[in-house]
Amino acid sequence: MYSRLRIIISGAIVLMATSAALSKDSGLPQLDLQKQCRANQNATDALTGTKNLNAFDLCVKSEQRAREKLVARWTTIPPLDKTSCIHSTD
């Protein structure tokens, strides 16, 4: 259950951050993974009432792996799909 909660919270944070992170040249969004993972850890700690010292490191590693996959696939994603998922903050 703890893992499922962490995944849900992580996904929500990443989706919210991604929606506001499109760069001006329509390139790959730049996210502050450490900031997002720290927020994720704080939220998880608050919900569970415990401190998981490995949560931050695990989050950063997981998000870096996800970003690497996205980098590899970014050029094959249709522009319409990119704009429907990521909104410019201009």
PDB file of N, CA and C in Angstrom:
ATOM      1  N   MET A   1       0.815  -1.188   0.000  1.00  0.00           N
ATOM      2  CA  MET A   1       0.000   0.000   0.000  1.00  0.00           C
ATOM      3  C   MET A   1       0.861   1.256   0.000  1.00  0.00           C
ATOM      4  N   TYR A   2       1.937   1.254   0.775  1.00  0.00           N
ATOM      5  CA  TYR A   2       2.823   2.405   0.826  1.00  0.00           C
ATOM      6  C   TYR A   2       3.417   2.687  -0.548  1.00  0.00           C
ATOM      7  N   SER A   3       3.828   1.652  -1.260  1.00  0.00           N
ATOM      8  CA  SER A   3       4.405   1.825  -2.592  1.00  0.00           C
ATOM      9  C   SER A   3       3.368   2.384  -3.555  1.00  0.00           C
ATOM     10  N   ARG A   4       2.155   1.891  -3.460  1.00  0.00           N
ATOM     11  CA  ARG A   4       1.097   2.367  -4.350  1.00  0.00           C
ATOM     12  C   ARG A   4       0.812   3.847  -4.093  1.00  0.00           C
ATOM     13  N   LEU A   5       0.745   4.225  -2.834  1.00  0.00           N
ATOM     14  CA  LEU A   5       0.520   5.622  -2.476  1.00  0.00           C
ATOM     15  C   LEU A   5       1.647   6.495  -3.017  1.00  0.00           C
ATOM     16  N   ARG A   6       2.874   6.030  -2.862  1.00  0.00           N
ATOM     17  CA  ARG A   6       4.030   6.785  -3.350  1.00  0.00           C
ATOM     18  C   ARG A   6       3.985   6.949  -4.864  1.00  0.00           C
ATOM     19  N   ILE A   7       3.588   5.908  -5.559  1.00  0.00           N
ATOM     20  CA  ILE A   7       3.485   5.973  -7.019  1.00  0.00           C
ATOM     21  C   ILE A   7       2.414   6.971  -7.423  1.00  0.00           C
ATOM     22  N   ILE A   8       1.288   6.944  -6.751  1.00  0.00           N
ATOM     23  CA  ILE A   8       0.197   7.868  -7.073  1.00  0.00           C
ATOM     24  C   ILE A   8       0.622   9.314  -6.842  1.00  0.00           C
ATOM     25  N   ILE A   9       1.244   9.560  -5.699  1.00  0.00           N
ATOM     26  CA  ILE A   9       1.690  10.918  -5.385  1.00  0.00           C
ATOM     27  C   ILE A   9       2.762  11.360  -6.378  1.00  0.00           C
ATOM     28  N   SER A  10       3.703  10.480  -6.680  1.00  0.00           N
ATOM     29  CA  SER A  10       4.765  10.813  -7.632  1.00  0.00           C
ATOM     30  C   SER A  10       4.181  11.157  -8.993  1.00  0.00           C
ATOM     31  N   GLY A  11       3.252  10.331  -9.438  1.00  0.00           N
ATOM     32  CA  GLY A  11       2.628  10.574 -10.736  1.00  0.00           C
ATOM     33  C   GLY A  11       1.904  11.903 -10.787  1.00  0.00           C
ATOM     34  N   ALA A  12       1.187  12.223  -9.728  1.00  0.00           N
ATOM     35  CA  ALA A  12       0.460  13.493  -9.681  1.00  0.00           C
ATOM     36  C   ALA A  12       1.410  14.680  -9.721  1.00  0.00           C
ATOM     37  N   ILE A  13       2.489  14.586  -8.967  1.00  0.00           N
ATOM     38  CA  ILE A  13       3.465  15.682  -8.943  1.00  0.00           C
ATOM     39  C   ILE A  13       4.119  15.850 -10.300  1.00  0.00           C
ATOM     40  N   VAL A  14       4.518  14.755 -10.906  1.00  0.00           N
ATOM     41  CA  VAL A  14       5.175  14.822 -12.212  1.00  0.00           C
ATOM     42  C   VAL A  14       4.212  15.390 -13.253  1.00  0.00           C
ATOM     43  N   LEU A  15       2.959  14.953 -13.235  1.00  0.00           N
ATOM     44  CA  LEU A  15       2.000  15.470 -14.208  1.00  0.00           C
ATOM     45  C   LEU A  15       1.769  16.961 -14.032  1.00  0.00           C
ATOM     46  N   MET A  16       1.661  17.408 -12.792  1.00  0.00           N
ATOM     47  CA  MET A  16       1.464  18.840 -12.560  1.00  0.00           C
ATOM     48  C   MET A  16       2.680  19.639 -13.001  1.00  0.00           C
ATOM     49  N   ALA A  17       3.865  19.141 -12.690  1.00  0.00           N
ATOM     50  CA  ALA A  17       5.079  19.855 -13.064  1.00  0.00           C
ATOM     51  C   ALA A  17       5.267  19.853 -14.569  1.00  0.00           C
ATOM     52  N   THR A  18       4.964  18.742 -15.203  1.00  0.00           N
ATOM     53  CA  THR A  18       5.140  18.629 -16.642  1.00  0.00           C
ATOM     54  C   THR A  18       4.203  19.558 -17.386  1.00  0.00           C
ATOM     55  N   SER A  19       3.001  19.735 -16.875  1.00  0.00           N
ATOM     56  CA  SER A  19       2.027  20.574 -17.566  1.00  0.00           C
ATOM     57  C   SER A  19       2.481  22.024 -17.652  1.00  0.00           C
ATOM     58  N   ALA A  20       3.395  22.429 -16.781  1.00  0.00           N
ATOM     59  CA  ALA A  20       3.863  23.814 -16.781  1.00  0.00           C
ATOM     60  C   ALA A  20       5.304  23.952 -17.232  1.00  0.00           C
ATOM     61  N   ALA A  21       5.874  22.912 -17.807  1.00  0.00           N
ATOM     62  CA  ALA A  21       7.312  22.924 -18.040  1.00  0.00           C
ATOM     63  C   ALA A  21       7.733  22.922 -19.503  1.00  0.00           C
ATOM     64  N   LEU A  22       6.846  23.165 -20.421  1.00  0.00           N
ATOM     65  CA  LEU A  22       7.236  23.146 -21.827  1.00  0.00           C
ATOM     66  C   LEU A  22       8.157  24.316 -22.132  1.00  0.00           C
ATOM     67  N   SER A  23       9.279  24.033 -22.741  1.00  0.00           N
ATOM     68  CA  SER A  23      10.201  25.117 -23.071  1.00  0.00           C
ATOM     69  C   SER A  23       9.685  25.887 -24.280  1.00  0.00           C
ATOM     70  N   LYS A  24      10.177  27.092 -24.478  1.00  0.00           N
ATOM     71  CA  LYS A  24       9.690  27.965 -25.530  1.00  0.00           C
ATOM     72  C   LYS A  24       9.917  27.400 -26.923  1.00  0.00           C
ATOM     73  N   ASP A  25      10.937  26.583 -27.130  1.00  0.00           N
ATOM     74  CA  ASP A  25      11.222  26.037 -28.449  1.00  0.00           C
ATOM     75  C   ASP A  25      10.534  24.696 -28.683  1.00  0.00           C
ATOM     76  N   SER A  26       9.548  24.357 -27.869  1.00  0.00           N
ATOM     77  CA  SER A  26       8.818  23.099 -27.955  1.00  0.00           C
ATOM     78  C   SER A  26       9.723  21.895 -27.770  1.00  0.00           C
ATOM     79  N   GLY A  27      10.846  22.100 -27.127  1.00  0.00           N
ATOM     80  CA  GLY A  27      11.749  20.995 -26.838  1.00  0.00           C
ATOM     81  C   GLY A  27      11.274  20.240 -25.617  1.00  0.00           C
ATOM     82  N   LEU A  28      12.089  19.328 -25.200  1.00  0.00           N
ATOM     83  CA  LEU A  28      11.769  18.507 -24.039  1.00  0.00           C
ATOM     84  C   LEU A  28      11.651  19.391 -22.794  1.00  0.00           C
ATOM     85  N   PRO A  29      10.581  19.223 -22.025  1.00  0.00           N
ATOM     86  CA  PRO A  29      10.408  20.028 -20.816  1.00  0.00           C
ATOM     87  C   PRO A  29      11.560  19.816 -19.833  1.00  0.00           C
ATOM     88  N   GLN A  30      11.930  20.861 -19.138  1.00  0.00           N
ATOM     89  CA  GLN A  30      12.969  20.784 -18.114  1.00  0.00           C
ATOM     90  C   GLN A  30      12.296  20.823 -16.755  1.00  0.00           C
ATOM     91  N   LEU A  31      12.516  19.781 -15.986  1.00  0.00           N
ATOM     92  CA  LEU A  31      11.923  19.690 -14.652  1.00  0.00           C
ATOM     93  C   LEU A  31      13.011  19.712 -13.603  1.00  0.00           C
ATOM     94  N   ASP A  32      12.715  20.287 -12.475  1.00  0.00           N
ATOM     95  CA  ASP A  32      13.625  20.258 -11.330  1.00  0.00           C
ATOM     96  C   ASP A  32      13.305  18.993 -10.546  1.00  0.00           C
ATOM     97  N   LEU A  33      13.983  17.907 -10.903  1.00  0.00           N
ATOM     98  CA  LEU A  33      13.684  16.606 -10.301  1.00  0.00           C
ATOM     99  C   LEU A  33      13.910  16.603  -8.800  1.00  0.00           C
ATOM    100  N   GLN A  34      14.965  17.267  -8.355  1.00  0.00           N
ATOM    101  CA  GLN A  34      15.236  17.273  -6.918  1.00  0.00           C
ATOM    102  C   GLN A  34      14.124  17.983  -6.155  1.00  0.00           C
ATOM    103  N   LYS A  35      13.662  19.087  -6.691  1.00  0.00           N
ATOM    104  CA  LYS A  35      12.578  19.829  -6.038  1.00  0.00           C
ATOM    105  C   LYS A  35      11.306  18.986  -6.001  1.00  0.00           C
ATOM    106  N   GLN A  36      10.990  18.344  -7.121  1.00  0.00           N
ATOM    107  CA  GLN A  36       9.785  17.528  -7.183  1.00  0.00           C
ATOM    108  C   GLN A  36       9.880  16.318  -6.256  1.00  0.00           C
ATOM    109  N   CYS A  37      11.049  15.691  -6.219  1.00  0.00           N
ATOM    110  CA  CYS A  37      11.214  14.511  -5.370  1.00  0.00           C
ATOM    111  C   CYS A  37      11.212  14.888  -3.892  1.00  0.00           C
ATOM    112  N   ARG A  38      11.747  16.042  -3.572  1.00  0.00           N
ATOM    113  CA  ARG A  38      11.716  16.500  -2.181  1.00  0.00           C
ATOM    114  C   ARG A  38      10.261  16.765  -1.761  1.00  0.00           C
ATOM    115  N   ALA A  39       9.487  17.385  -2.642  1.00  0.00           N
ATOM    116  CA  ALA A  39       8.070  17.627  -2.356  1.00  0.00           C
ATOM    117  C   ALA A  39       7.326  16.302  -2.209  1.00  0.00           C
ATOM    118  N   ASN A  40       7.665  15.342  -3.067  1.00  0.00           N
ATOM    119  CA  ASN A  40       7.060  14.019  -2.989  1.00  0.00           C
ATOM    120  C   ASN A  40       7.380  13.354  -1.651  1.00  0.00           C
ATOM    121  N   GLN A  41       8.629  13.424  -1.246  1.00  0.00           N
ATOM    122  CA  GLN A  41       9.030  12.822   0.019  1.00  0.00           C
ATOM    123  C   GLN A  41       8.324  13.499   1.186  1.00  0.00           C
ATOM    124  N   ASN A  42       8.251  14.815   1.169  1.00  0.00           N
ATOM    125  CA  ASN A  42       7.572  15.545   2.245  1.00  0.00           C
ATOM    126  C   ASN A  42       6.092  15.172   2.328  1.00  0.00           C
ATOM    127  N   ALA A  43       5.439  15.062   1.171  1.00  0.00           N
ATOM    128  CA  ALA A  43       4.024  14.697   1.148  1.00  0.00           C
ATOM    129  C   ALA A  43       3.818  13.273   1.655  1.00  0.00           C
ATOM    130  N   THR A  44       4.677  12.364   1.220  1.00  0.00           N
ATOM    131  CA  THR A  44       4.578  10.972   1.655  1.00  0.00           C
ATOM    132  C   THR A  44       4.832  10.850   3.146  1.00  0.00           C
ATOM    133  N   ASP A  45       5.862  11.541   3.632  1.00  0.00           N
ATOM    134  CA  ASP A  45       6.164  11.513   5.070  1.00  0.00           C
ATOM    135  C   ASP A  45       4.988  12.051   5.881  1.00  0.00           C
ATOM    136  N   ALA A  46       4.366  13.115   5.385  1.00  0.00           N
ATOM    137  CA  ALA A  46       3.234  13.703   6.095  1.00  0.00           C
ATOM    138  C   ALA A  46       2.032  12.756   6.103  1.00  0.00           C
ATOM    139  N   LEU A  47       1.794  12.071   4.996  1.00  0.00           N
ATOM    140  CA  LEU A  47       0.661  11.153   4.919  1.00  0.00           C
ATOM    141  C   LEU A  47       0.853   9.907   5.768  1.00  0.00           C
ATOM    142  N   THR A  48       2.076   9.405   5.804  1.00  0.00           N
ATOM    143  CA  THR A  48       2.326   8.149   6.512  1.00  0.00           C
ATOM    144  C   THR A  48       2.759   8.363   7.954  1.00  0.00           C
ATOM    145  N   GLY A  49       3.227   9.570   8.271  1.00  0.00           N
ATOM    146  CA  GLY A  49       3.708   9.838   9.613  1.00  0.00           C
ATOM    147  C   GLY A  49       5.071   9.225   9.901  1.00  0.00           C
ATOM    148  N   THR A  50       5.746   8.795   8.870  1.00  0.00           N
ATOM    149  CA  THR A  50       7.080   8.205   9.017  1.00  0.00           C
ATOM    150  C   THR A  50       8.040   8.867   8.048  1.00  0.00           C
ATOM    151  N   LYS A  51       9.322   8.650   8.277  1.00  0.00           N
ATOM    152  CA  LYS A  51      10.337   9.174   7.365  1.00  0.00           C
ATOM    153  C   LYS A  51      11.014   8.006   6.677  1.00  0.00           C
ATOM    154  N   ASN A  52      10.970   8.020   5.350  1.00  0.00           N
ATOM    155  CA  ASN A  52      11.668   7.025   4.557  1.00  0.00           C
ATOM    156  C   ASN A  52      12.897   7.709   3.978  1.00  0.00           C
ATOM    157  N   LEU A  53      14.045   7.421   4.544  1.00  0.00           N
ATOM    158  CA  LEU A  53      15.272   8.114   4.152  1.00  0.00           C
ATOM    159  C   LEU A  53      15.695   7.813   2.719  1.00  0.00           C
ATOM    160  N   ASN A  54      15.253   6.701   2.166  1.00  0.00           N
ATOM    161  CA  ASN A  54      15.627   6.341   0.801  1.00  0.00           C
ATOM    162  C   ASN A  54      14.673   6.903  -0.248  1.00  0.00           C
ATOM    163  N   ALA A  55      13.546   7.447   0.164  1.00  0.00           N
ATOM    164  CA  ALA A  55      12.514   7.883  -0.773  1.00  0.00           C
ATOM    165  C   ALA A  55      13.030   8.926  -1.753  1.00  0.00           C
ATOM    166  N   PHE A  56      13.790   9.892  -1.281  1.00  0.00           N
ATOM    167  CA  PHE A  56      14.288  10.948  -2.158  1.00  0.00           C
ATOM    168  C   PHE A  56      15.201  10.368  -3.229  1.00  0.00           C
ATOM    169  N   ASP A  57      16.180   9.558  -2.829  1.00  0.00           N
ATOM    170  CA  ASP A  57      17.115   8.976  -3.792  1.00  0.00           C
ATOM    171  C   ASP A  57      16.401   8.077  -4.793  1.00  0.00           C
ATOM    172  N   LEU A  58      15.463   7.276  -4.305  1.00  0.00           N
ATOM    173  CA  LEU A  58      14.707   6.400  -5.199  1.00  0.00           C
ATOM    174  C   LEU A  58      13.889   7.206  -6.198  1.00  0.00           C
ATOM    175  N   CYS A  59      13.292   8.276  -5.726  1.00  0.00           N
ATOM    176  CA  CYS A  59      12.496   9.140  -6.598  1.00  0.00           C
ATOM    177  C   CYS A  59      13.362   9.754  -7.692  1.00  0.00           C
ATOM    178  N   VAL A  60      14.507  10.307  -7.314  1.00  0.00           N
ATOM    179  CA  VAL A  60      15.391  10.950  -8.295  1.00  0.00           C
ATOM    180  C   VAL A  60      15.842   9.933  -9.340  1.00  0.00           C
ATOM    181  N   LYS A  61      16.256   8.757  -8.900  1.00  0.00           N
ATOM    182  CA  LYS A  61      16.703   7.731  -9.843  1.00  0.00           C
ATOM    183  C   LYS A  61      15.572   7.311 -10.775  1.00  0.00           C
ATOM    184  N   SER A  62      14.387   7.145 -10.229  1.00  0.00           N
ATOM    185  CA  SER A  62      13.236   6.754 -11.037  1.00  0.00           C
ATOM    186  C   SER A  62      12.885   7.827 -12.062  1.00  0.00           C
ATOM    187  N   GLU A  63      12.876   9.063 -11.622  1.00  0.00           N
ATOM    188  CA  GLU A  63      12.549  10.166 -12.531  1.00  0.00           C
ATOM    189  C   GLU A  63      13.623  10.348 -13.605  1.00  0.00           C
ATOM    190  N   GLN A  64      14.877  10.126 -13.259  1.00  0.00           N
ATOM    191  CA  GLN A  64      15.944  10.216 -14.255  1.00  0.00           C
ATOM    192  C   GLN A  64      15.792   9.127 -15.310  1.00  0.00           C
ATOM    193  N   ARG A  65      15.450   7.919 -14.880  1.00  0.00           N
ATOM    194  CA  ARG A  65      15.227   6.826 -15.847  1.00  0.00           C
ATOM    195  C   ARG A  65      14.044   7.160 -16.760  1.00  0.00           C
ATOM    196  N   ALA A  66      12.980   7.690 -16.181  1.00  0.00           N
ATOM    197  CA  ALA A  66      11.811   8.067 -16.976  1.00  0.00           C
ATOM    198  C   ALA A  66      12.170   9.165 -17.968  1.00  0.00           C
ATOM    199  N   ARG A  67      12.971  10.132 -17.535  1.00  0.00           N
ATOM    200  CA  ARG A  67      13.385  11.217 -18.427  1.00  0.00           C
ATOM    201  C   ARG A  67      14.240  10.689 -19.573  1.00  0.00           C
ATOM    202  N   GLU A  68      15.133   9.752 -19.271  1.00  0.00           N
ATOM    203  CA  GLU A  68      15.962   9.163 -20.320  1.00  0.00           C
ATOM    204  C   GLU A  68      15.105   8.476 -21.381  1.00  0.00           C
ATOM    205  N   LYS A  69      14.059   7.777 -20.944  1.00  0.00           N
ATOM    206  CA  LYS A  69      13.145   7.143 -21.893  1.00  0.00           C
ATOM    207  C   LYS A  69      12.411   8.191 -22.720  1.00  0.00           C
ATOM    208  N   LEU A  70      11.996   9.264 -22.067  1.00  0.00           N
ATOM    209  CA  LEU A  70      11.293  10.328 -22.771  1.00  0.00           C
ATOM    210  C   LEU A  70      12.209  11.007 -23.789  1.00  0.00           C
ATOM    211  N   VAL A  71      13.459  11.236 -23.413  1.00  0.00           N
ATOM    212  CA  VAL A  71      14.426  11.835 -24.337  1.00  0.00           C
ATOM    213  C   VAL A  71      14.542  10.970 -25.585  1.00  0.00           C
ATOM    214  N   ALA A  72      14.626   9.663 -25.389  1.00  0.00           N
ATOM    215  CA  ALA A  72      14.778   8.755 -26.516  1.00  0.00           C
ATOM    216  C   ALA A  72      13.559   8.765 -27.437  1.00  0.00           C
ATOM    217  N   ARG A  73      12.387   9.022 -26.880  1.00  0.00           N
ATOM    218  CA  ARG A  73      11.143   8.964 -27.663  1.00  0.00           C
ATOM    219  C   ARG A  73      10.598  10.327 -28.082  1.00  0.00           C
ATOM    220  N   TRP A  74      11.147  11.397 -27.556  1.00  0.00           N
ATOM    221  CA  TRP A  74      10.570  12.735 -27.731  1.00  0.00           C
ATOM    222  C   TRP A  74      10.354  13.102 -29.187  1.00  0.00           C
ATOM    223  N   THR A  75      11.314  12.811 -30.052  1.00  0.00           N
ATOM    224  CA  THR A  75      11.199  13.212 -31.459  1.00  0.00           C
ATOM    225  C   THR A  75      10.130  12.425 -32.201  1.00  0.00           C
ATOM    226  N   THR A  76       9.695  11.293 -31.666  1.00  0.00           N
ATOM    227  CA  THR A  76       8.675  10.490 -32.335  1.00  0.00           C
ATOM    228  C   THR A  76       7.261  10.791 -31.843  1.00  0.00           C
ATOM    229  N   ILE A  77       7.149  11.626 -30.830  1.00  0.00           N
ATOM    230  CA  ILE A  77       5.833  11.982 -30.300  1.00  0.00           C
ATOM    231  C   ILE A  77       5.229  13.066 -31.187  1.00  0.00           C
ATOM    232  N   PRO A  78       4.020  12.841 -31.701  1.00  0.00           N
ATOM    233  CA  PRO A  78       3.388  13.846 -32.564  1.00  0.00           C
ATOM    234  C   PRO A  78       3.184  15.168 -31.822  1.00  0.00           C
ATOM    235  N   PRO A  79       3.376  16.292 -32.522  1.00  0.00           N
ATOM    236  CA  PRO A  79       3.224  17.614 -31.897  1.00  0.00           C
ATOM    237  C   PRO A  79       1.862  17.802 -31.214  1.00  0.00           C
ATOM    238  N   LEU A  80       0.809  17.287 -31.798  1.00  0.00           N
ATOM    239  CA  LEU A  80      -0.517  17.437 -31.202  1.00  0.00           C
ATOM    240  C   LEU A  80      -0.576  16.744 -29.844  1.00  0.00           C
ATOM    241  N   ASP A  81       0.053  15.586 -29.734  1.00  0.00           N
ATOM    242  CA  ASP A  81       0.087  14.887 -28.446  1.00  0.00           C
ATOM    243  C   ASP A  81       0.893  15.679 -27.418  1.00  0.00           C
ATOM    244  N   LYS A  82       1.986  16.278 -27.856  1.00  0.00           N
ATOM    245  CA  LYS A  82       2.807  17.069 -26.936  1.00  0.00           C
ATOM    246  C   LYS A  82       2.006  18.253 -26.401  1.00  0.00           C
ATOM    247  N   THR A  83       1.312  18.954 -27.287  1.00  0.00           N
ATOM    248  CA  THR A  83       0.584  20.140 -26.844  1.00  0.00           C
ATOM    249  C   THR A  83      -0.652  19.800 -26.029  1.00  0.00           C
ATOM    250  N   SER A  84      -1.226  18.627 -26.245  1.00  0.00           N
ATOM    251  CA  SER A  84      -2.405  18.264 -25.456  1.00  0.00           C
ATOM    252  C   SER A  84      -2.023  17.844 -24.044  1.00  0.00           C
ATOM    253  N   CYS A  85      -0.776  17.451 -23.841  1.00  0.00           N
ATOM    254  CA  CYS A  85      -0.322  17.017 -22.513  1.00  0.00           C
ATOM    255  C   CYS A  85       0.455  18.084 -21.773  1.00  0.00           C
ATOM    256  N   ILE A  86       1.106  18.971 -22.507  1.00  0.00           N
ATOM    257  CA  ILE A  86       1.971  19.981 -21.893  1.00  0.00           C
ATOM    258  C   ILE A  86       1.536  21.346 -22.404  1.00  0.00           C
ATOM    259  N   HIS A  87       1.193  22.216 -21.488  1.00  0.00           N
ATOM    260  CA  HIS A  87       0.703  23.545 -21.855  1.00  0.00           C
ATOM    261  C   HIS A  87       1.774  24.594 -21.565  1.00  0.00           C
ATOM    262  N   SER A  88       1.995  25.459 -22.525  1.00  0.00           N
ATOM    263  CA  SER A  88       2.961  26.539 -22.348  1.00  0.00           C
ATOM    264  C   SER A  88       2.480  27.503 -21.283  1.00  0.00           C
ATOM    265  N   THR A  89       3.439  28.073 -20.556  1.00  0.00           N
ATOM    266  CA  THR A  89       3.094  29.034 -19.502  1.00  0.00           C
ATOM    267  C   THR A  89       3.275  30.470 -19.985  1.00  0.00           C
ATOM    268  N   ASP A  90       3.407  30.664 -21.292  1.00  0.00           N
ATOM    269  CA  ASP A  90       3.596  32.019 -21.848  1.00  0.00           C
ATOM    270  C   ASP A  90       2.391  32.881 -21.598  1.00  0.00           C
TER     271      ASP A  90
END
